[in-house]
Amino acid sequence: CSVSGSIFSFNVMRWNRQAPGKQRELVAEF
Protein backbone atom coordinates (compact mmCIF):
# COMPACT_ATOMS: atom_id res chain seq x y z
CA CYS A 1 0.00 0.00 0.00
CA SER A 2 1.74 3.11 -1.27
CA VAL A 3 0.74 6.34 0.48
CA SER A 4 1.02 9.62 -1.42
CA GLY A 5 1.92 11.71 1.62
CA SER A 6 3.95 11.04 4.72
CA ILE A 7 2.88 7.92 6.54
CA PHE A 8 3.49 9.80 9.78
CA SER A 9 0.40 11.90 9.08
CA PHE A 10 -1.75 8.97 10.17
CA ASN A 11 -2.25 7.23 13.48
CA VAL A 12 -3.28 3.90 12.03
CA MET A 13 -2.88 1.94 8.83
CA ARG A 14 -5.25 -0.92 8.12
CA TRP A 15 -5.79 -3.77 5.74
CA ASN A 16 -9.38 -4.83 5.11
CA ARG A 17 -10.96 -7.38 2.82
CA GLN A 18 -14.34 -8.14 1.34
CA ALA A 19 -15.41 -11.40 -0.23
CA PRO A 20 -18.42 -11.65 -2.56
CA GLY A 21 -21.67 -11.67 -0.60
CA LYS A 22 -19.94 -10.96 2.72
CA GLN A 23 -19.36 -7.91 4.87
CA ARG A 24 -16.08 -6.05 4.82
CA GLU A 25 -13.68 -7.40 7.42
CA LEU A 26 -10.77 -5.79 9.21
CA VAL A 27 -7.75 -8.02 8.67
CA ALA A 28 -4.85 -6.19 10.29
CA GLU A 29 -3.91 -2.79 11.64
CA PHE A 30 -0.67 -1.03 12.50
PDB file of all heavy atoms in Angstrom:
ATOM      1  N   CYS A   1       0.859  -1.176   0.000  1.00  0.00           N
ATOM      2  CA  CYS A   1       0.000   0.000   0.000  1.00  0.00           C
ATOM      3  C   CYS A   1       0.894   1.224   0.000  1.00  0.00           C
ATOM      4  O   CYS A   1       1.545   1.527   1.006  1.00  0.00           O
ATOM      5  CB  CYS A   1      -0.922  -0.007   1.222  1.00  0.00           C
ATOM      6  SG  CYS A   1      -1.918   1.492   1.406  1.00  0.00           S
ATOM      7  N   SER A   2       0.925   1.911  -1.120  1.00  0.00           N
ATOM      8  CA  SER A   2       1.740   3.108  -1.267  1.00  0.00           C
ATOM      9  C   SER A   2       0.908   4.334  -0.900  1.00  0.00           C
ATOM     10  O   SER A   2      -0.177   4.540  -1.443  1.00  0.00           O
ATOM     11  CB  SER A   2       2.260   3.219  -2.699  1.00  0.00           C
ATOM     12  OG  SER A   2       3.019   4.396  -2.871  1.00  0.00           O
ATOM     13  N   VAL A   3       1.425   5.146   0.004  1.00  0.00           N
ATOM     14  CA  VAL A   3       0.735   6.342   0.480  1.00  0.00           C
ATOM     15  C   VAL A   3       1.358   7.564  -0.164  1.00  0.00           C
ATOM     16  O   VAL A   3       2.578   7.723  -0.162  1.00  0.00           O
ATOM     17  CB  VAL A   3       0.816   6.450   2.015  1.00  0.00           C
ATOM     18  CG1 VAL A   3       0.054   7.672   2.509  1.00  0.00           C
ATOM     19  CG2 VAL A   3       0.280   5.187   2.662  1.00  0.00           C
ATOM     20  N   SER A   4       0.518   8.458  -0.691  1.00  0.00           N
ATOM     21  CA  SER A   4       1.017   9.619  -1.424  1.00  0.00           C
ATOM     22  C   SER A   4       1.757  10.606  -0.531  1.00  0.00           C
ATOM     23  O   SER A   4       2.730  11.214  -0.958  1.00  0.00           O
ATOM     24  CB  SER A   4      -0.135  10.325  -2.141  1.00  0.00           C
ATOM     25  OG  SER A   4      -1.089  10.812  -1.215  1.00  0.00           O
ATOM     26  N   GLY A   5       1.284  10.804   0.686  1.00  0.00           N
ATOM     27  CA  GLY A   5       1.922  11.707   1.624  1.00  0.00           C
ATOM     28  C   GLY A   5       2.765  10.951   2.627  1.00  0.00           C
ATOM     29  O   GLY A   5       3.038   9.760   2.474  1.00  0.00           O
ATOM     30  N   SER A   6       3.165  11.663   3.667  1.00  0.00           N
ATOM     31  CA  SER A   6       3.952  11.039   4.721  1.00  0.00           C
ATOM     32  C   SER A   6       3.088  10.083   5.527  1.00  0.00           C
ATOM     33  O   SER A   6       1.985  10.424   5.945  1.00  0.00           O
ATOM     34  CB  SER A   6       4.554  12.095   5.643  1.00  0.00           C
ATOM     35  OG  SER A   6       5.206  11.497   6.743  1.00  0.00           O
ATOM     36  N   ILE A   7       3.610   8.910   5.762  1.00  0.00           N
ATOM     37  CA  ILE A   7       2.881   7.918   6.536  1.00  0.00           C
ATOM     38  C   ILE A   7       2.738   8.354   7.993  1.00  0.00           C
ATOM     39  O   ILE A   7       1.856   7.861   8.702  1.00  0.00           O
ATOM     40  CB  ILE A   7       3.573   6.546   6.419  1.00  0.00           C
ATOM     41  CG1 ILE A   7       2.597   5.422   6.771  1.00  0.00           C
ATOM     42  CG2 ILE A   7       4.813   6.486   7.295  1.00  0.00           C
ATOM     43  CD1 ILE A   7       3.104   4.051   6.393  1.00  0.00           C
ATOM     44  N   PHE A   8       3.565   9.293   8.411  1.00  0.00           N
ATOM     45  CA  PHE A   8       3.493   9.796   9.782  1.00  0.00           C
ATOM     46  C   PHE A   8       2.304  10.729  10.000  1.00  0.00           C
ATOM     47  O   PHE A   8       2.045  11.134  11.134  1.00  0.00           O
ATOM     48  CB  PHE A   8       4.792  10.517  10.150  1.00  0.00           C
ATOM     49  CG  PHE A   8       5.991   9.635  10.160  1.00  0.00           C
ATOM     50  CD1 PHE A   8       6.951   9.730   9.168  1.00  0.00           C
ATOM     51  CD2 PHE A   8       6.169   8.693  11.162  1.00  0.00           C
ATOM     52  CE1 PHE A   8       8.063   8.910   9.172  1.00  0.00           C
ATOM     53  CE2 PHE A   8       7.279   7.872  11.175  1.00  0.00           C
ATOM     54  CZ  PHE A   8       8.226   7.977  10.176  1.00  0.00           C
ATOM     55  N   SER A   9       1.590  11.074   8.954  1.00  0.00           N
ATOM     56  CA  SER A   9       0.399  11.899   9.080  1.00  0.00           C
ATOM     57  C   SER A   9      -0.773  11.127   9.671  1.00  0.00           C
ATOM     58  O   SER A   9      -1.774  11.734  10.048  1.00  0.00           O
ATOM     59  CB  SER A   9      -0.009  12.461   7.715  1.00  0.00           C
ATOM     60  OG  SER A   9       1.011  13.295   7.187  1.00  0.00           O
ATOM     61  N   PHE A  10      -0.649   9.815   9.742  1.00  0.00           N
ATOM     62  CA  PHE A  10      -1.746   8.969  10.173  1.00  0.00           C
ATOM     63  C   PHE A  10      -1.399   8.211  11.445  1.00  0.00           C
ATOM     64  O   PHE A  10      -0.249   7.861  11.688  1.00  0.00           O
ATOM     65  CB  PHE A  10      -2.127   7.990   9.062  1.00  0.00           C
ATOM     66  CG  PHE A  10      -2.419   8.672   7.763  1.00  0.00           C
ATOM     67  CD1 PHE A  10      -1.477   8.696   6.756  1.00  0.00           C
ATOM     68  CD2 PHE A  10      -3.630   9.307   7.565  1.00  0.00           C
ATOM     69  CE1 PHE A  10      -1.735   9.336   5.559  1.00  0.00           C
ATOM     70  CE2 PHE A  10      -3.900   9.954   6.373  1.00  0.00           C
ATOM     71  CZ  PHE A  10      -2.956   9.967   5.372  1.00  0.00           C
ATOM     72  N   ASN A  11      -2.431   7.951  12.232  1.00  0.00           N
ATOM     73  CA  ASN A  11      -2.252   7.226  13.481  1.00  0.00           C
ATOM     74  C   ASN A  11      -2.402   5.723  13.318  1.00  0.00           C
ATOM     75  O   ASN A  11      -1.941   4.962  14.161  1.00  0.00           O
ATOM     76  CB  ASN A  11      -3.247   7.714  14.528  1.00  0.00           C
ATOM     77  CG  ASN A  11      -3.096   9.182  14.852  1.00  0.00           C
ATOM     78  OD1 ASN A  11      -4.050   9.951  14.743  1.00  0.00           O
ATOM     79  ND2 ASN A  11      -1.896   9.589  15.242  1.00  0.00           N
ATOM     80  N   VAL A  12      -3.058   5.318  12.251  1.00  0.00           N
ATOM     81  CA  VAL A  12      -3.285   3.896  12.025  1.00  0.00           C
ATOM     82  C   VAL A  12      -3.340   3.599  10.538  1.00  0.00           C
ATOM     83  O   VAL A  12      -3.867   4.393   9.749  1.00  0.00           O
ATOM     84  CB  VAL A  12      -4.583   3.430  12.725  1.00  0.00           C
ATOM     85  CG1 VAL A  12      -5.801   4.107  12.117  1.00  0.00           C
ATOM     86  CG2 VAL A  12      -4.706   1.916  12.680  1.00  0.00           C
ATOM     87  N   MET A  13      -2.763   2.474  10.171  1.00  0.00           N
ATOM     88  CA  MET A  13      -2.884   1.941   8.830  1.00  0.00           C
ATOM     89  C   MET A  13      -3.548   0.581   8.946  1.00  0.00           C
ATOM     90  O   MET A  13      -3.224  -0.196   9.841  1.00  0.00           O
ATOM     91  CB  MET A  13      -1.519   1.809   8.156  1.00  0.00           C
ATOM     92  CG  MET A  13      -0.770   3.126   7.991  1.00  0.00           C
ATOM     93  SD  MET A  13      -1.618   4.281   6.865  1.00  0.00           S
ATOM     94  CE  MET A  13      -1.617   3.324   5.349  1.00  0.00           C
ATOM     95  N   ARG A  14      -4.460   0.308   8.033  1.00  0.00           N
ATOM     96  CA  ARG A  14      -5.246  -0.917   8.115  1.00  0.00           C
ATOM     97  C   ARG A  14      -5.316  -1.639   6.783  1.00  0.00           C
ATOM     98  O   ARG A  14      -5.266  -1.029   5.711  1.00  0.00           O
ATOM     99  CB  ARG A  14      -6.680  -0.616   8.583  1.00  0.00           C
ATOM    100  CG  ARG A  14      -6.789  -0.093  10.003  1.00  0.00           C
ATOM    101  CD  ARG A  14      -8.254   0.031  10.396  1.00  0.00           C
ATOM    102  NE  ARG A  14      -8.445   0.309  11.816  1.00  0.00           N
ATOM    103  CZ  ARG A  14      -8.873   1.458  12.304  1.00  0.00           C
ATOM    104  NH1 ARG A  14      -9.169   2.469  11.487  1.00  0.00           N
ATOM    105  NH2 ARG A  14      -9.014   1.617  13.620  1.00  0.00           N
ATOM    106  N   TRP A  15      -5.443  -2.931   6.876  1.00  0.00           N
ATOM    107  CA  TRP A  15      -5.793  -3.773   5.742  1.00  0.00           C
ATOM    108  C   TRP A  15      -7.169  -4.388   6.013  1.00  0.00           C
ATOM    109  O   TRP A  15      -7.403  -4.936   7.092  1.00  0.00           O
ATOM    110  CB  TRP A  15      -4.772  -4.889   5.515  1.00  0.00           C
ATOM    111  CG  TRP A  15      -3.519  -4.433   4.839  1.00  0.00           C
ATOM    112  CD1 TRP A  15      -2.321  -4.169   5.415  1.00  0.00           C
ATOM    113  CD2 TRP A  15      -3.358  -4.196   3.433  1.00  0.00           C
ATOM    114  NE1 TRP A  15      -1.409  -3.787   4.462  1.00  0.00           N
ATOM    115  CE2 TRP A  15      -2.015  -3.794   3.242  1.00  0.00           C
ATOM    116  CE3 TRP A  15      -4.206  -4.289   2.319  1.00  0.00           C
ATOM    117  CZ2 TRP A  15      -1.494  -3.477   1.984  1.00  0.00           C
ATOM    118  CZ3 TRP A  15      -3.698  -3.974   1.072  1.00  0.00           C
ATOM    119  CH2 TRP A  15      -2.363  -3.575   0.914  1.00  0.00           C
ATOM    120  N   ASN A  16      -8.038  -4.274   5.033  1.00  0.00           N
ATOM    121  CA  ASN A  16      -9.379  -4.833   5.113  1.00  0.00           C
ATOM    122  C   ASN A  16      -9.609  -5.714   3.894  1.00  0.00           C
ATOM    123  O   ASN A  16      -8.886  -5.627   2.901  1.00  0.00           O
ATOM    124  CB  ASN A  16     -10.438  -3.724   5.135  1.00  0.00           C
ATOM    125  CG  ASN A  16     -10.128  -2.636   6.141  1.00  0.00           C
ATOM    126  OD1 ASN A  16     -10.614  -2.660   7.264  1.00  0.00           O
ATOM    127  ND2 ASN A  16      -9.318  -1.661   5.739  1.00  0.00           N
ATOM    128  N   ARG A  17     -10.621  -6.557   3.966  1.00  0.00           N
ATOM    129  CA  ARG A  17     -10.960  -7.377   2.815  1.00  0.00           C
ATOM    130  C   ARG A  17     -12.464  -7.590   2.747  1.00  0.00           C
ATOM    131  O   ARG A  17     -13.165  -7.517   3.752  1.00  0.00           O
ATOM    132  CB  ARG A  17     -10.237  -8.723   2.856  1.00  0.00           C
ATOM    133  CG  ARG A  17     -10.695  -9.663   3.966  1.00  0.00           C
ATOM    134  CD  ARG A  17      -9.825 -10.915   3.995  1.00  0.00           C
ATOM    135  NE  ARG A  17     -10.252 -11.856   5.012  1.00  0.00           N
ATOM    136  CZ  ARG A  17      -9.595 -12.965   5.331  1.00  0.00           C
ATOM    137  NH1 ARG A  17      -8.465 -13.271   4.698  1.00  0.00           N
ATOM    138  NH2 ARG A  17     -10.056 -13.774   6.277  1.00  0.00           N
ATOM    139  N   GLN A  18     -12.928  -7.859   1.544  1.00  0.00           N
ATOM    140  CA  GLN A  18     -14.338  -8.140   1.341  1.00  0.00           C
ATOM    141  C   GLN A  18     -14.492  -9.225   0.286  1.00  0.00           C
ATOM    142  O   GLN A  18     -14.044  -9.063  -0.850  1.00  0.00           O
ATOM    143  CB  GLN A  18     -15.105  -6.892   0.922  1.00  0.00           C
ATOM    144  CG  GLN A  18     -16.609  -7.096   0.856  1.00  0.00           C
ATOM    145  CD  GLN A  18     -17.369  -5.793   0.759  1.00  0.00           C
ATOM    146  OE1 GLN A  18     -16.853  -4.795   0.258  1.00  0.00           O
ATOM    147  NE2 GLN A  18     -18.603  -5.787   1.240  1.00  0.00           N
ATOM    148  N   ALA A  19     -15.114 -10.310   0.679  1.00  0.00           N
ATOM    149  CA  ALA A  19     -15.407 -11.402  -0.226  1.00  0.00           C
ATOM    150  C   ALA A  19     -16.809 -11.220  -0.792  1.00  0.00           C
ATOM    151  O   ALA A  19     -17.657 -10.577  -0.169  1.00  0.00           O
ATOM    152  CB  ALA A  19     -15.292 -12.737   0.502  1.00  0.00           C
ATOM    153  N   PRO A  20     -17.089 -11.780  -1.959  1.00  0.00           N
ATOM    154  CA  PRO A  20     -18.422 -11.653  -2.556  1.00  0.00           C
ATOM    155  C   PRO A  20     -19.524 -12.139  -1.616  1.00  0.00           C
ATOM    156  O   PRO A  20     -19.432 -13.229  -1.055  1.00  0.00           O
ATOM    157  CB  PRO A  20     -18.338 -12.529  -3.807  1.00  0.00           C
ATOM    158  CG  PRO A  20     -16.888 -12.531  -4.164  1.00  0.00           C
ATOM    159  CD  PRO A  20     -16.171 -12.525  -2.837  1.00  0.00           C
ATOM    160  N   GLY A  21     -20.545 -11.306  -1.435  1.00  0.00           N
ATOM    161  CA  GLY A  21     -21.670 -11.670  -0.598  1.00  0.00           C
ATOM    162  C   GLY A  21     -21.427 -11.568   0.890  1.00  0.00           C
ATOM    163  O   GLY A  21     -22.301 -11.935   1.677  1.00  0.00           O
ATOM    164  N   LYS A  22     -20.269 -11.072   1.299  1.00  0.00           N
ATOM    165  CA  LYS A  22     -19.944 -10.959   2.716  1.00  0.00           C
ATOM    166  C   LYS A  22     -19.611  -9.519   3.087  1.00  0.00           C
ATOM    167  O   LYS A  22     -19.295  -8.698   2.230  1.00  0.00           O
ATOM    168  CB  LYS A  22     -18.780 -11.875   3.082  1.00  0.00           C
ATOM    169  CG  LYS A  22     -19.078 -13.350   2.917  1.00  0.00           C
ATOM    170  CD  LYS A  22     -17.930 -14.204   3.414  1.00  0.00           C
ATOM    171  CE  LYS A  22     -18.254 -15.674   3.306  1.00  0.00           C
ATOM    172  NZ  LYS A  22     -17.137 -16.522   3.807  1.00  0.00           N
ATOM    173  N   GLN A  23     -19.688  -9.234   4.373  1.00  0.00           N
ATOM    174  CA  GLN A  23     -19.362  -7.908   4.868  1.00  0.00           C
ATOM    175  C   GLN A  23     -17.858  -7.675   4.840  1.00  0.00           C
ATOM    176  O   GLN A  23     -17.062  -8.615   4.891  1.00  0.00           O
ATOM    177  CB  GLN A  23     -19.890  -7.725   6.292  1.00  0.00           C
ATOM    178  CG  GLN A  23     -21.401  -7.741   6.413  1.00  0.00           C
ATOM    179  CD  GLN A  23     -21.861  -7.498   7.835  1.00  0.00           C
ATOM    180  OE1 GLN A  23     -21.092  -7.614   8.783  1.00  0.00           O
ATOM    181  NE2 GLN A  23     -23.127  -7.152   7.989  1.00  0.00           N
ATOM    182  N   ARG A  24     -17.488  -6.409   4.774  1.00  0.00           N
ATOM    183  CA  ARG A  24     -16.082  -6.054   4.823  1.00  0.00           C
ATOM    184  C   ARG A  24     -15.519  -6.386   6.195  1.00  0.00           C
ATOM    185  O   ARG A  24     -16.164  -6.160   7.225  1.00  0.00           O
ATOM    186  CB  ARG A  24     -15.900  -4.573   4.508  1.00  0.00           C
ATOM    187  CG  ARG A  24     -14.452  -4.148   4.366  1.00  0.00           C
ATOM    188  CD  ARG A  24     -14.371  -2.742   3.814  1.00  0.00           C
ATOM    189  NE  ARG A  24     -15.013  -1.784   4.686  1.00  0.00           N
ATOM    190  CZ  ARG A  24     -15.606  -0.668   4.276  1.00  0.00           C
ATOM    191  NH1 ARG A  24     -15.640  -0.395   2.977  1.00  0.00           N
ATOM    192  NH2 ARG A  24     -16.156   0.157   5.142  1.00  0.00           N
ATOM    193  N   GLU A  25     -14.314  -6.909   6.211  1.00  0.00           N
ATOM    194  CA  GLU A  25     -13.683  -7.400   7.422  1.00  0.00           C
ATOM    195  C   GLU A  25     -12.335  -6.729   7.634  1.00  0.00           C
ATOM    196  O   GLU A  25     -11.537  -6.613   6.700  1.00  0.00           O
ATOM    197  CB  GLU A  25     -13.509  -8.923   7.328  1.00  0.00           C
ATOM    198  CG  GLU A  25     -12.729  -9.552   8.458  1.00  0.00           C
ATOM    199  CD  GLU A  25     -12.406 -11.012   8.203  1.00  0.00           C
ATOM    200  OE1 GLU A  25     -12.348 -11.408   7.019  1.00  0.00           O
ATOM    201  OE2 GLU A  25     -12.221 -11.763   9.184  1.00  0.00           O
ATOM    202  N   LEU A  26     -12.075  -6.307   8.854  1.00  0.00           N
ATOM    203  CA  LEU A  26     -10.767  -5.789   9.209  1.00  0.00           C
ATOM    204  C   LEU A  26      -9.811  -6.960   9.383  1.00  0.00           C
ATOM    205  O   LEU A  26     -10.063  -7.865  10.182  1.00  0.00           O
ATOM    206  CB  LEU A  26     -10.835  -4.966  10.495  1.00  0.00           C
ATOM    207  CG  LEU A  26      -9.505  -4.467  11.061  1.00  0.00           C
ATOM    208  CD1 LEU A  26      -8.831  -3.500  10.088  1.00  0.00           C
ATOM    209  CD2 LEU A  26      -9.715  -3.815  12.420  1.00  0.00           C
ATOM    210  N   VAL A  27      -8.720  -6.935   8.650  1.00  0.00           N
ATOM    211  CA  VAL A  27      -7.754  -8.023   8.674  1.00  0.00           C
ATOM    212  C   VAL A  27      -6.598  -7.731   9.617  1.00  0.00           C
ATOM    213  O   VAL A  27      -6.208  -8.581  10.422  1.00  0.00           O
ATOM    214  CB  VAL A  27      -7.219  -8.312   7.256  1.00  0.00           C
ATOM    215  CG1 VAL A  27      -6.125  -9.369   7.290  1.00  0.00           C
ATOM    216  CG2 VAL A  27      -8.365  -8.757   6.352  1.00  0.00           C
ATOM    217  N   ALA A  28      -6.017  -6.543   9.494  1.00  0.00           N
ATOM    218  CA  ALA A  28      -4.852  -6.192  10.292  1.00  0.00           C
ATOM    219  C   ALA A  28      -4.739  -4.682  10.398  1.00  0.00           C
ATOM    220  O   ALA A  28      -5.180  -3.956   9.507  1.00  0.00           O
ATOM    221  CB  ALA A  28      -3.572  -6.778   9.687  1.00  0.00           C
ATOM    222  N   GLU A  29      -4.137  -4.214  11.477  1.00  0.00           N
ATOM    223  CA  GLU A  29      -3.906  -2.790  11.644  1.00  0.00           C
ATOM    224  C   GLU A  29      -2.584  -2.543  12.341  1.00  0.00           C
ATOM    225  O   GLU A  29      -2.137  -3.349  13.164  1.00  0.00           O
ATOM    226  CB  GLU A  29      -5.053  -2.115  12.403  1.00  0.00           C
ATOM    227  CG  GLU A  29      -5.436  -2.770  13.708  1.00  0.00           C
ATOM    228  CD  GLU A  29      -6.716  -2.180  14.296  1.00  0.00           C
ATOM    229  OE1 GLU A  29      -7.293  -1.255  13.700  1.00  0.00           O
ATOM    230  OE2 GLU A  29      -7.141  -2.651  15.375  1.00  0.00           O
ATOM    231  N   PHE A  30      -1.972  -1.421  11.986  1.00  0.00           N
ATOM    232  CA  PHE A  30      -0.672  -1.025  12.504  1.00  0.00           C
ATOM    233  C   PHE A  30      -0.810   0.382  13.053  1.00  0.00           C
ATOM    234  O   PHE A  30      -1.068   1.328  12.305  1.00  0.00           O
ATOM    235  CB  PHE A  30       0.374  -1.072  11.388  1.00  0.00           C
ATOM    236  CG  PHE A  30       1.793  -0.945  11.857  1.00  0.00           C
ATOM    237  CD1 PHE A  30       2.662  -2.022  11.763  1.00  0.00           C
ATOM    238  CD2 PHE A  30       2.280   0.247  12.372  1.00  0.00           C
ATOM    239  CE1 PHE A  30       3.977  -1.913  12.180  1.00  0.00           C
ATOM    240  CE2 PHE A  30       3.592   0.370  12.803  1.00  0.00           C
ATOM    241  CZ  PHE A  30       4.440  -0.727  12.701  1.00  0.00           C
TER     242      PHE A  30
END
